[in-house]
Amino acid sequence: MNLYSLLSLRAANGRPVRVGLIGAGKFGSMVLAQAQRIAGLHMVAVADLNVGKAKEALERVGWPTERYSAMSIGDAVKNGTTFVTEDAKALFECGEIECIIEATGHPIAGTRHALGAIESRKHVVMVNVEADVMVGPILAEKARANGVIYSMAYGDQPALICELVDWARATGFEVTAAGKGMNFEPRYRYSTPDTVWGFFGWTEEEVAKGDFNPKMYNSFTDGTKAAIEMAAVANGTGLDCPDDGLAFPPAGLHDLARVFRPAADGGRMARSGLVDIAASQEPDGREVFNNIRYGVFVTFKAHNEYARACFKQYGLLTDPSGWYASMWRPFHIIGLETSVSVLSAVLRNEPTGSSKEFRGDAVATAKKDMQPGEMLDGEGGYAVWANAIPATRSLDLKALPIGLAHNVKLKRPVKKDQIVSFDDVEITNDLDVVGLRHEMEERFRPARTDAV
């Protein structure tokens, strides 16, 4: 609760928090929309392979033209303006920049950007959950070794869920489940970029008027993004992914504690301590009453009769027994909130969530029967969706993470809904990132414990 005071003190002393942003898409644009209004926060540079797109983003969010006309990063630092470039390395080489926001959404590029920032001893706010779920634990370890922070992005659901889990544990409760709301029906699982707009209820004319990326929206629809985010939460909190992947049980606010409690007590969770999704749609398409589509939640248990009575006295929404309760945040506004992570890293030397262990994995799973020679096209495409499973199971299967499932060729046939393994594909590119992934698997190989 002191971030603004700490920032104001820095600003009063003439020492603004200097930041670089990589990726000027939707998330990056939302970051920029607020950064211009935070006294003491200086967006020194924005890097994007498409410089024109980056400048359009700045213009779209109301950034005055004269404030992003710097001719160099040095000029931007000196004059308090913003330099726009296609070269991310320029941000790493700028000694005055303290923190890098990686918002490309590309797992391979994001991994390399994070490494570049860490090696340059800059804090990293990793918007790129796709990269984080693939190699986050080892990136966080490298950041610690270099004396900098590697952090999830506040405003995005994983960081907000980690915050709720931390709150519950810091107040002494047993966390039974944590997750987020989402619009999902079982039939969405096999959506492709050709069918996705029908699931949103948008016409071709409406899509044509907007700047929509069908693969990105399809990754939300087919459950891939959910798997990526929930596996990241598992790695940041020590909770587990369900053995067979996310179940997406429908639940509204009034039912969170009832649904997200162990099956032994009447809930839908195989056991305590799991991540999952509260679907805002029933399997037949009916909307769940009082759903939490845009929010995040945690469910927790009272340890004795006294705490249970307090739940009732103070109006918590509980299960019928009164032993389980829920806490939630009804919304998230992604990049509009990400400055919290930047300021936390720079001013407190603390992440807003970080991958501590290899606990969960988001693995490529076939959308259809495929034959040798066919190509996988990654997140949100035609070929695979991501399943969130325990890391122990992923390692047993030699599962291919969804972040490495783009533009790779099958060398063995796979069946619909089969988890794709490293042995099923030929990987000839991006071997540096593949090597880092394998190093992470070995260094952070989870200890085996029997679920109870």
Protein backbone atom coordinates (compact mmCIF):
# COMPACT_ATOMS: atom_id res chain seq x y z
CA MET A 1 0.00 0.00 0.00
CA ASN A 2 3.02 2.28 -0.24
CA LEU A 3 3.98 2.06 -3.90
CA TYR A 4 2.62 5.47 -4.82
CA SER A 5 4.36 7.09 -1.83
CA LEU A 6 7.65 5.42 -2.73
CA LEU A 7 7.29 6.53 -6.36
CA SER A 8 6.44 10.09 -5.33
CA LEU A 9 9.59 10.21 -3.22
CA ARG A 10 11.70 9.01 -6.16
CA ALA A 11 10.08 11.60 -8.42
CA ALA A 12 10.65 14.38 -5.89
CA ASN A 13 14.32 13.45 -5.82
CA GLY A 14 14.54 13.65 -9.61
CA ARG A 15 14.95 9.89 -10.04
CA PRO A 16 12.06 8.60 -12.15
CA VAL A 17 11.54 4.86 -12.54
CA ARG A 18 12.73 4.23 -16.10
CA VAL A 19 11.06 1.44 -18.08
CA GLY A 20 11.29 -0.24 -21.48
CA LEU A 21 8.39 -2.02 -23.19
CA ILE A 22 8.77 -4.82 -25.75
CA GLY A 23 5.60 -5.47 -27.74
CA ALA A 24 3.03 -2.83 -28.65
CA GLY A 25 -0.04 -5.03 -29.09
CA LYS A 26 -3.21 -4.86 -27.01
CA PHE A 27 -1.51 -5.50 -23.67
CA GLY A 28 1.34 -3.12 -24.46
CA SER A 29 -1.14 -0.46 -25.54
CA MET A 30 -2.96 -0.76 -22.24
CA VAL A 31 0.35 -0.36 -20.38
CA LEU A 32 1.06 2.78 -22.39
CA ALA A 33 -2.42 4.17 -21.77
CA GLN A 34 -1.67 4.45 -18.04
CA ALA A 35 2.09 4.99 -18.05
CA GLN A 36 1.68 8.51 -19.43
CA ARG A 37 -0.41 9.42 -16.36
CA ILE A 38 1.92 8.15 -13.64
CA ALA A 39 4.20 10.90 -12.38
CA GLY A 40 7.67 9.52 -11.79
CA LEU A 41 7.32 6.63 -14.27
CA HIS A 42 9.25 7.25 -17.48
CA MET A 43 8.62 5.00 -20.48
CA VAL A 44 12.04 5.44 -22.03
CA ALA A 45 11.57 3.15 -25.04
CA VAL A 46 9.06 0.96 -26.85
CA ALA A 47 10.38 -1.85 -29.04
CA ASP A 48 8.32 -3.63 -31.67
CA LEU A 49 9.32 -5.32 -34.91
CA ASN A 50 6.72 -3.09 -36.55
CA VAL A 51 7.73 0.45 -35.61
CA GLY A 52 4.71 1.87 -37.41
CA LYS A 53 2.42 -0.29 -35.29
CA ALA A 54 4.14 0.90 -32.12
CA LYS A 55 3.67 4.53 -33.09
CA GLU A 56 0.02 3.85 -33.92
CA ALA A 57 -0.40 2.34 -30.44
CA LEU A 58 1.09 5.43 -28.83
CA GLU A 59 -1.16 7.67 -30.86
CA ARG A 60 -4.22 5.51 -30.12
CA VAL A 61 -3.77 5.83 -26.36
CA GLY A 62 -3.29 9.59 -26.52
CA TRP A 63 0.50 9.84 -26.26
CA PRO A 64 1.48 13.30 -27.57
CA THR A 65 3.52 13.04 -30.77
CA GLU A 66 6.26 15.29 -29.43
CA ARG A 67 6.78 12.85 -26.53
CA TYR A 68 7.70 9.90 -28.75
CA SER A 69 9.90 11.72 -31.22
CA ALA A 70 13.23 10.95 -29.53
CA MET A 71 16.02 10.22 -32.02
CA SER A 72 17.82 7.83 -29.67
CA ILE A 73 17.43 6.19 -26.27
CA GLY A 74 20.00 8.62 -24.89
CA ASP A 75 17.89 11.51 -26.17
CA ALA A 76 14.79 9.97 -24.54
CA VAL A 77 16.54 9.59 -21.18
CA LYS A 78 17.82 13.16 -21.28
CA ASN A 79 14.55 14.80 -22.35
CA GLY A 80 11.98 12.57 -20.66
CA THR A 81 10.58 11.43 -24.00
CA THR A 82 10.07 7.99 -25.55
CA PHE A 83 12.19 6.30 -28.21
CA VAL A 84 10.47 3.85 -30.61
CA THR A 85 12.62 1.14 -32.16
CA GLU A 86 12.49 -2.31 -33.72
CA ASP A 87 15.61 -3.37 -31.79
CA ALA A 88 14.90 -4.86 -28.35
CA LYS A 89 18.64 -5.08 -27.68
CA ALA A 90 18.79 -1.30 -27.56
CA LEU A 91 16.64 -1.45 -24.40
CA PHE A 92 18.99 -3.94 -22.74
CA GLU A 93 22.01 -1.79 -23.54
CA CYS A 94 20.49 1.34 -22.01
CA GLY A 95 21.97 1.57 -18.52
CA GLU A 96 19.27 3.94 -17.26
CA ILE A 97 16.39 1.53 -17.92
CA GLU A 98 15.66 -0.41 -14.72
CA CYS A 99 12.82 -2.66 -15.81
CA ILE A 100 11.69 -4.38 -19.01
CA ILE A 101 8.07 -5.30 -19.70
CA GLU A 102 7.96 -8.26 -22.11
CA ALA A 103 4.56 -8.17 -23.83
CA THR A 104 5.08 -9.86 -27.21
CA GLY A 105 3.09 -13.02 -26.43
CA HIS A 106 5.60 -14.99 -28.49
CA PRO A 107 7.14 -17.76 -26.35
CA ILE A 108 10.42 -18.06 -28.26
CA ALA A 109 11.08 -14.33 -28.61
CA GLY A 110 9.88 -13.71 -25.08
CA THR A 111 12.33 -16.21 -23.64
CA ARG A 112 15.22 -14.56 -25.47
CA HIS A 113 14.09 -11.09 -24.42
CA ALA A 114 13.86 -12.14 -20.78
CA LEU A 115 17.34 -13.63 -20.91
CA GLY A 116 18.71 -10.48 -22.53
CA ALA A 117 17.16 -8.26 -19.87
CA ILE A 118 18.32 -10.48 -16.99
CA GLU A 119 21.87 -10.65 -18.33
CA SER A 120 21.79 -6.85 -18.51
CA ARG A 121 20.70 -6.80 -14.84
CA LYS A 122 17.25 -5.40 -15.46
CA HIS A 123 14.06 -6.46 -13.74
CA VAL A 124 11.61 -8.33 -15.98
CA VAL A 125 7.83 -8.07 -15.85
CA MET A 126 6.80 -11.11 -17.87
CA VAL A 127 3.45 -10.43 -19.50
CA ASN A 128 4.36 -13.33 -21.79
CA VAL A 129 2.76 -16.22 -19.88
CA GLU A 130 3.40 -18.44 -22.91
CA ALA A 131 7.14 -18.17 -22.28
CA ASP A 132 6.81 -18.20 -18.50
CA VAL A 133 4.93 -21.51 -18.37
CA MET A 134 7.56 -23.05 -20.64
CA VAL A 135 10.76 -21.93 -18.88
CA GLY A 136 9.71 -19.56 -16.08
CA PRO A 137 11.39 -21.32 -13.13
CA ILE A 138 14.84 -21.20 -14.70
CA LEU A 139 14.38 -17.59 -15.82
CA ALA A 140 13.46 -16.66 -12.24
CA GLU A 141 16.55 -18.50 -10.99
CA LYS A 142 18.78 -16.63 -13.44
CA ALA A 143 17.19 -13.35 -12.35
CA ARG A 144 17.95 -14.08 -8.69
CA ALA A 145 21.55 -14.93 -9.58
CA ASN A 146 21.85 -11.53 -11.27
CA GLY A 147 20.24 -9.63 -8.41
CA VAL A 148 17.07 -8.68 -10.29
CA ILE A 149 13.38 -9.55 -10.13
CA TYR A 150 11.48 -11.79 -12.54
CA SER A 151 7.77 -11.15 -12.07
CA MET A 152 4.34 -12.05 -13.36
CA ALA A 153 2.38 -9.06 -14.66
CA TYR A 154 -0.11 -7.57 -12.24
CA GLY A 155 -3.49 -7.12 -13.90
CA ASP A 156 -3.24 -10.40 -15.75
CA GLN A 157 -5.01 -13.30 -14.05
CA PRO A 158 -2.02 -15.43 -12.93
CA ALA A 159 -0.53 -12.65 -10.80
CA LEU A 160 -3.92 -11.78 -9.33
CA ILE A 161 -4.61 -15.42 -8.47
CA CYS A 162 -1.18 -15.71 -6.84
CA GLU A 163 -2.05 -12.63 -4.78
CA LEU A 164 -5.30 -14.22 -3.54
CA VAL A 165 -3.53 -17.48 -2.69
CA ASP A 166 -0.89 -15.54 -0.79
CA TRP A 167 -3.60 -13.63 1.09
CA ALA A 168 -5.33 -16.85 2.12
CA ARG A 169 -2.13 -18.49 3.33
CA ALA A 170 -0.89 -15.34 5.06
CA THR A 171 -4.14 -15.31 7.05
CA GLY A 172 -3.75 -18.96 8.04
CA PHE A 173 -6.27 -20.71 5.80
CA GLU A 174 -5.90 -23.96 3.87
CA VAL A 175 -6.23 -23.16 0.17
CA THR A 176 -8.50 -25.77 -1.41
CA ALA A 177 -8.57 -24.38 -4.96
CA ALA A 178 -7.77 -21.30 -7.01
CA GLY A 179 -8.55 -20.21 -10.53
CA LYS A 180 -10.38 -17.82 -12.78
CA GLY A 181 -13.67 -17.43 -14.57
CA MET A 182 -13.96 -18.06 -18.29
CA ASN A 183 -16.50 -18.41 -21.07
CA PHE A 184 -16.15 -22.09 -21.99
CA GLU A 185 -18.25 -24.97 -23.32
CA PRO A 186 -16.90 -28.46 -24.17
CA ARG A 187 -17.59 -27.92 -27.89
CA TYR A 188 -15.17 -24.97 -27.91
CA ARG A 189 -12.24 -27.35 -27.50
CA TYR A 190 -11.87 -28.02 -31.23
CA SER A 191 -12.41 -24.47 -32.43
CA THR A 192 -10.10 -23.22 -35.19
CA PRO A 193 -9.30 -19.73 -36.52
CA ASP A 194 -12.02 -20.36 -39.12
CA THR A 195 -14.78 -21.12 -36.60
CA VAL A 196 -13.82 -18.94 -33.64
CA TRP A 197 -15.93 -15.90 -34.48
CA GLY A 198 -19.11 -17.97 -34.43
CA PHE A 199 -18.42 -18.85 -30.80
CA PHE A 200 -18.12 -15.14 -30.03
CA GLY A 201 -21.36 -14.46 -31.90
CA TRP A 202 -19.68 -11.97 -34.22
CA THR A 203 -20.56 -11.55 -37.89
CA GLU A 204 -17.98 -11.35 -40.67
CA GLU A 205 -18.82 -7.66 -41.02
CA GLU A 206 -18.13 -7.00 -37.34
CA VAL A 207 -14.82 -8.86 -37.50
CA ALA A 208 -13.79 -6.97 -40.63
CA LYS A 209 -14.28 -3.65 -38.82
CA GLY A 210 -11.99 -4.61 -35.94
CA ASP A 211 -8.30 -5.40 -35.50
CA PHE A 212 -8.78 -8.98 -34.33
CA ASN A 213 -6.22 -11.79 -34.41
CA PRO A 214 -8.14 -15.06 -34.98
CA LYS A 215 -5.38 -17.28 -33.54
CA MET A 216 -5.18 -15.20 -30.38
CA TYR A 217 -8.94 -15.25 -29.85
CA ASN A 218 -9.01 -18.93 -30.67
CA SER A 219 -6.46 -19.65 -27.94
CA PHE A 220 -8.93 -18.13 -25.46
CA THR A 221 -11.81 -20.12 -26.92
CA ASP A 222 -10.30 -23.63 -27.12
CA GLY A 223 -9.00 -23.53 -23.54
CA THR A 224 -5.33 -23.16 -24.44
CA LYS A 225 -4.88 -19.81 -22.72
CA ALA A 226 -6.59 -21.19 -19.62
CA ALA A 227 -4.17 -24.13 -19.51
CA ILE A 228 -1.17 -21.82 -19.91
CA GLU A 229 -2.33 -19.51 -17.15
CA MET A 230 -3.35 -22.21 -14.68
CA ALA A 231 -0.08 -24.10 -15.13
CA ALA A 232 1.74 -20.82 -14.46
CA VAL A 233 -0.31 -20.35 -11.29
CA ALA A 234 0.64 -23.86 -10.18
CA ASN A 235 4.31 -23.02 -10.69
CA GLY A 236 3.92 -19.78 -8.75
CA THR A 237 1.93 -21.11 -5.79
CA GLY A 238 2.73 -24.81 -5.34
CA LEU A 239 -0.86 -25.78 -6.14
CA ASP A 240 -1.35 -28.61 -8.64
CA CYS A 241 -3.01 -29.07 -12.01
CA PRO A 242 -5.61 -31.85 -12.07
CA ASP A 243 -4.17 -35.17 -13.24
CA ASP A 244 -6.27 -35.21 -16.42
CA GLY A 245 -6.28 -31.47 -17.04
CA LEU A 246 -8.72 -28.68 -16.28
CA ALA A 247 -12.36 -29.72 -15.82
CA PHE A 248 -14.01 -26.27 -16.30
CA PRO A 249 -16.89 -26.89 -13.85
CA PRO A 250 -19.64 -24.26 -14.22
CA ALA A 251 -19.97 -22.09 -11.12
CA GLY A 252 -21.26 -18.67 -10.11
CA LEU A 253 -20.05 -16.59 -7.19
CA HIS A 254 -22.57 -18.16 -4.83
CA ASP A 255 -21.32 -21.65 -5.72
CA LEU A 256 -17.53 -21.22 -5.75
CA ALA A 257 -17.02 -22.69 -2.28
CA ARG A 258 -19.40 -25.58 -2.98
CA VAL A 259 -17.93 -26.53 -6.36
CA PHE A 260 -14.24 -25.90 -5.63
CA ARG A 261 -13.95 -28.11 -2.54
CA PRO A 262 -12.78 -31.74 -2.43
CA ALA A 263 -15.08 -34.42 -3.83
CA ALA A 264 -14.92 -36.18 -0.46
CA ASP A 265 -16.87 -33.22 0.96
CA GLY A 266 -19.28 -32.94 -1.99
CA GLY A 267 -17.29 -30.72 -4.35
CA ARG A 268 -15.87 -31.16 -7.84
CA MET A 269 -12.15 -31.20 -6.97
CA ALA A 270 -10.39 -34.57 -6.78
CA ARG A 271 -8.58 -33.28 -3.71
CA SER A 272 -7.58 -30.09 -1.97
CA GLY A 273 -4.93 -27.81 -3.47
CA LEU A 274 -5.80 -27.71 -7.19
CA VAL A 275 -6.18 -25.04 -9.86
CA ASP A 276 -9.15 -25.02 -12.23
CA ILE A 277 -11.59 -22.80 -14.15
CA ALA A 278 -15.06 -21.63 -13.16
CA ALA A 279 -16.88 -21.83 -16.49
CA SER A 280 -19.46 -19.10 -17.08
CA GLN A 281 -21.43 -21.33 -19.46
CA GLU A 282 -23.24 -24.58 -18.75
CA PRO A 283 -22.29 -27.44 -21.13
CA ASP A 284 -25.56 -26.84 -23.03
CA GLY A 285 -24.73 -23.16 -23.54
CA ARG A 286 -26.89 -21.58 -20.85
CA GLU A 287 -25.16 -18.74 -19.04
CA VAL A 288 -24.27 -19.41 -15.42
CA PHE A 289 -26.09 -17.09 -13.02
CA ASN A 290 -23.83 -14.58 -11.25
CA ASN A 291 -20.80 -15.89 -13.10
CA ILE A 292 -17.21 -14.72 -12.62
CA ARG A 293 -16.22 -14.61 -16.29
CA TYR A 294 -13.74 -11.75 -15.92
CA GLY A 295 -12.57 -12.47 -12.39
CA VAL A 296 -10.32 -14.67 -10.28
CA PHE A 297 -10.96 -16.58 -7.07
CA VAL A 298 -9.60 -18.69 -4.24
CA THR A 299 -11.50 -21.14 -2.02
CA PHE A 300 -10.29 -21.97 1.47
CA LYS A 301 -11.27 -23.92 4.58
CA ALA A 302 -11.84 -23.00 8.22
CA HIS A 303 -9.59 -24.98 10.56
CA ASN A 304 -12.00 -25.11 13.52
CA GLU A 305 -15.54 -24.31 14.67
CA TYR A 306 -14.58 -20.81 15.78
CA ALA A 307 -13.28 -19.79 12.34
CA ARG A 308 -16.29 -21.48 10.72
CA ALA A 309 -18.63 -19.39 12.89
CA CYS A 310 -16.72 -16.25 11.88
CA PHE A 311 -17.34 -17.07 8.22
CA LYS A 312 -21.08 -16.91 8.91
CA GLN A 313 -20.92 -13.87 11.17
CA TYR A 314 -19.06 -11.79 8.60
CA GLY A 315 -21.09 -12.76 5.56
CA LEU A 316 -18.66 -14.89 3.58
CA LEU A 317 -20.14 -16.93 0.76
CA THR A 318 -19.69 -20.51 1.92
CA ASP A 319 -20.60 -24.04 0.91
CA PRO A 320 -23.69 -25.59 2.60
CA SER A 321 -21.55 -26.94 5.45
CA GLY A 322 -20.07 -23.54 6.25
CA TRP A 323 -16.54 -24.96 6.39
CA TYR A 324 -15.44 -23.76 2.93
CA ALA A 325 -15.50 -20.13 1.79
CA SER A 326 -14.43 -18.10 -1.22
CA MET A 327 -12.74 -14.82 -1.93
CA TRP A 328 -12.65 -13.30 -5.39
CA ARG A 329 -11.83 -10.33 -7.52
CA PRO A 330 -14.60 -9.71 -10.06
CA PHE A 331 -12.45 -8.21 -12.82
CA HIS A 332 -8.97 -7.82 -14.22
CA ILE A 333 -7.85 -5.02 -16.50
CA ILE A 334 -4.50 -6.45 -17.59
CA GLY A 335 -2.10 -3.76 -18.86
CA LEU A 336 -3.94 -0.92 -17.14
CA GLU A 337 -2.65 -2.38 -13.84
CA THR A 338 0.82 -3.61 -14.82
CA SER A 339 2.62 -0.59 -13.42
CA VAL A 340 2.06 -2.21 -10.01
CA SER A 341 4.50 -4.97 -11.03
CA VAL A 342 7.06 -2.48 -12.34
CA LEU A 343 6.98 -0.40 -9.18
CA SER A 344 6.98 -3.46 -6.92
CA ALA A 345 10.11 -4.80 -8.65
CA VAL A 346 12.00 -1.51 -8.74
CA LEU A 347 10.94 0.04 -5.44
CA ARG A 348 10.34 -3.03 -3.26
CA ASN A 349 12.57 -5.58 -4.97
CA GLU A 350 9.58 -7.91 -4.93
CA PRO A 351 7.67 -9.74 -7.70
CA THR A 352 3.91 -9.78 -8.04
CA GLY A 353 3.99 -13.56 -8.44
CA SER A 354 6.85 -15.59 -9.88
CA SER A 355 7.47 -19.15 -11.06
CA LYS A 356 9.14 -20.86 -8.11
CA GLU A 357 9.00 -24.49 -9.23
CA PHE A 358 8.05 -26.78 -12.12
CA ARG A 359 4.69 -27.96 -10.83
CA GLY A 360 2.37 -27.72 -13.83
CA ASP A 361 2.79 -27.77 -17.59
CA ALA A 362 0.74 -26.66 -20.60
CA VAL A 363 1.23 -29.42 -23.16
CA ALA A 364 0.31 -29.67 -26.85
CA THR A 365 -2.70 -31.96 -27.43
CA ALA A 366 -4.04 -32.98 -30.85
CA LYS A 367 -7.30 -31.42 -32.07
CA LYS A 368 -7.62 -34.14 -34.73
CA ASP A 369 -5.97 -37.29 -36.06
CA MET A 370 -2.73 -36.31 -37.81
CA GLN A 371 -0.13 -38.10 -39.89
CA PRO A 372 3.66 -37.83 -40.26
CA GLY A 373 4.64 -34.79 -42.29
CA GLU A 374 1.80 -32.61 -41.02
CA MET A 375 2.77 -29.37 -39.28
CA LEU A 376 1.78 -28.17 -35.85
CA ASP A 377 0.80 -24.51 -35.79
CA GLY A 378 0.94 -23.70 -32.09
CA GLU A 379 -1.33 -21.83 -29.74
CA GLY A 380 -4.79 -21.03 -31.10
CA GLY A 381 -4.27 -22.85 -34.40
CA TYR A 382 -5.80 -25.75 -36.30
CA ALA A 383 -3.70 -28.62 -34.95
CA VAL A 384 -3.34 -28.54 -31.16
CA TRP A 385 -4.83 -27.23 -27.95
CA ALA A 386 -3.03 -27.01 -24.60
CA ASN A 387 -3.83 -29.22 -21.63
CA ALA A 388 -2.73 -28.24 -18.11
CA ILE A 389 -1.34 -31.32 -16.38
CA PRO A 390 1.06 -32.02 -13.49
CA ALA A 391 4.72 -31.62 -14.39
CA THR A 392 5.40 -35.18 -13.22
CA ARG A 393 2.99 -36.54 -15.82
CA SER A 394 4.37 -34.22 -18.50
CA LEU A 395 7.88 -35.51 -17.87
CA ASP A 396 6.71 -39.14 -17.92
CA LEU A 397 5.12 -38.56 -21.32
CA LYS A 398 8.02 -36.43 -22.63
CA ALA A 399 5.23 -34.01 -23.50
CA LEU A 400 5.81 -31.17 -25.94
CA PRO A 401 5.04 -27.80 -24.29
CA ILE A 402 2.60 -25.69 -26.26
CA GLY A 403 5.26 -22.97 -26.54
CA LEU A 404 7.40 -25.26 -28.72
CA ALA A 405 4.53 -26.58 -30.85
CA HIS A 406 4.62 -23.94 -33.58
CA ASN A 407 5.96 -24.71 -37.05
CA VAL A 408 7.23 -28.20 -36.16
CA LYS A 409 6.66 -31.33 -38.24
CA LEU A 410 5.18 -34.59 -37.03
CA LYS A 411 7.29 -37.68 -37.62
CA ARG A 412 4.80 -40.10 -36.05
CA PRO A 413 1.00 -40.29 -36.27
CA VAL A 414 -1.03 -38.87 -33.39
CA LYS A 415 -4.67 -39.39 -32.50
CA LYS A 416 -7.23 -36.75 -31.60
CA ASP A 417 -6.85 -35.71 -27.93
CA GLN A 418 -3.44 -37.41 -27.67
CA ILE A 419 -0.74 -35.45 -25.88
CA VAL A 420 2.06 -34.81 -28.37
CA SER A 421 5.56 -35.81 -27.22
CA PHE A 422 9.01 -34.61 -28.15
CA ASP A 423 9.45 -38.03 -29.79
CA ASP A 424 6.50 -37.32 -32.13
CA VAL A 425 8.06 -34.25 -33.77
CA GLU A 426 11.12 -32.99 -35.58
CA ILE A 427 12.55 -29.84 -34.03
CA THR A 428 15.20 -28.15 -36.14
CA ASN A 429 14.80 -24.50 -35.15
CA ASP A 430 15.09 -22.49 -31.92
CA LEU A 431 17.40 -25.07 -30.39
CA ASP A 432 18.66 -22.53 -27.83
CA VAL A 433 15.19 -22.27 -26.31
CA VAL A 434 14.64 -26.03 -26.62
CA GLY A 435 17.89 -26.53 -24.73
CA LEU A 436 16.82 -24.10 -21.99
CA ARG A 437 13.54 -25.97 -21.65
CA HIS A 438 15.33 -29.30 -21.20
CA GLU A 439 17.68 -27.71 -18.69
CA MET A 440 14.68 -26.43 -16.75
CA GLU A 441 13.09 -29.90 -16.78
CA GLU A 442 16.19 -31.42 -15.22
CA ARG A 443 17.03 -28.67 -12.74
CA PHE A 444 13.44 -28.32 -11.50
CA ARG A 445 12.30 -31.93 -11.84
CA PRO A 446 9.56 -32.24 -9.21
CA ALA A 447 9.77 -34.77 -6.42
CA ARG A 448 7.15 -37.48 -6.65
CA THR A 449 4.49 -37.57 -3.96
CA ASP A 450 1.32 -39.63 -3.78
CA ALA A 451 -1.80 -37.51 -4.08
CA VAL A 452 -4.16 -37.75 -1.11
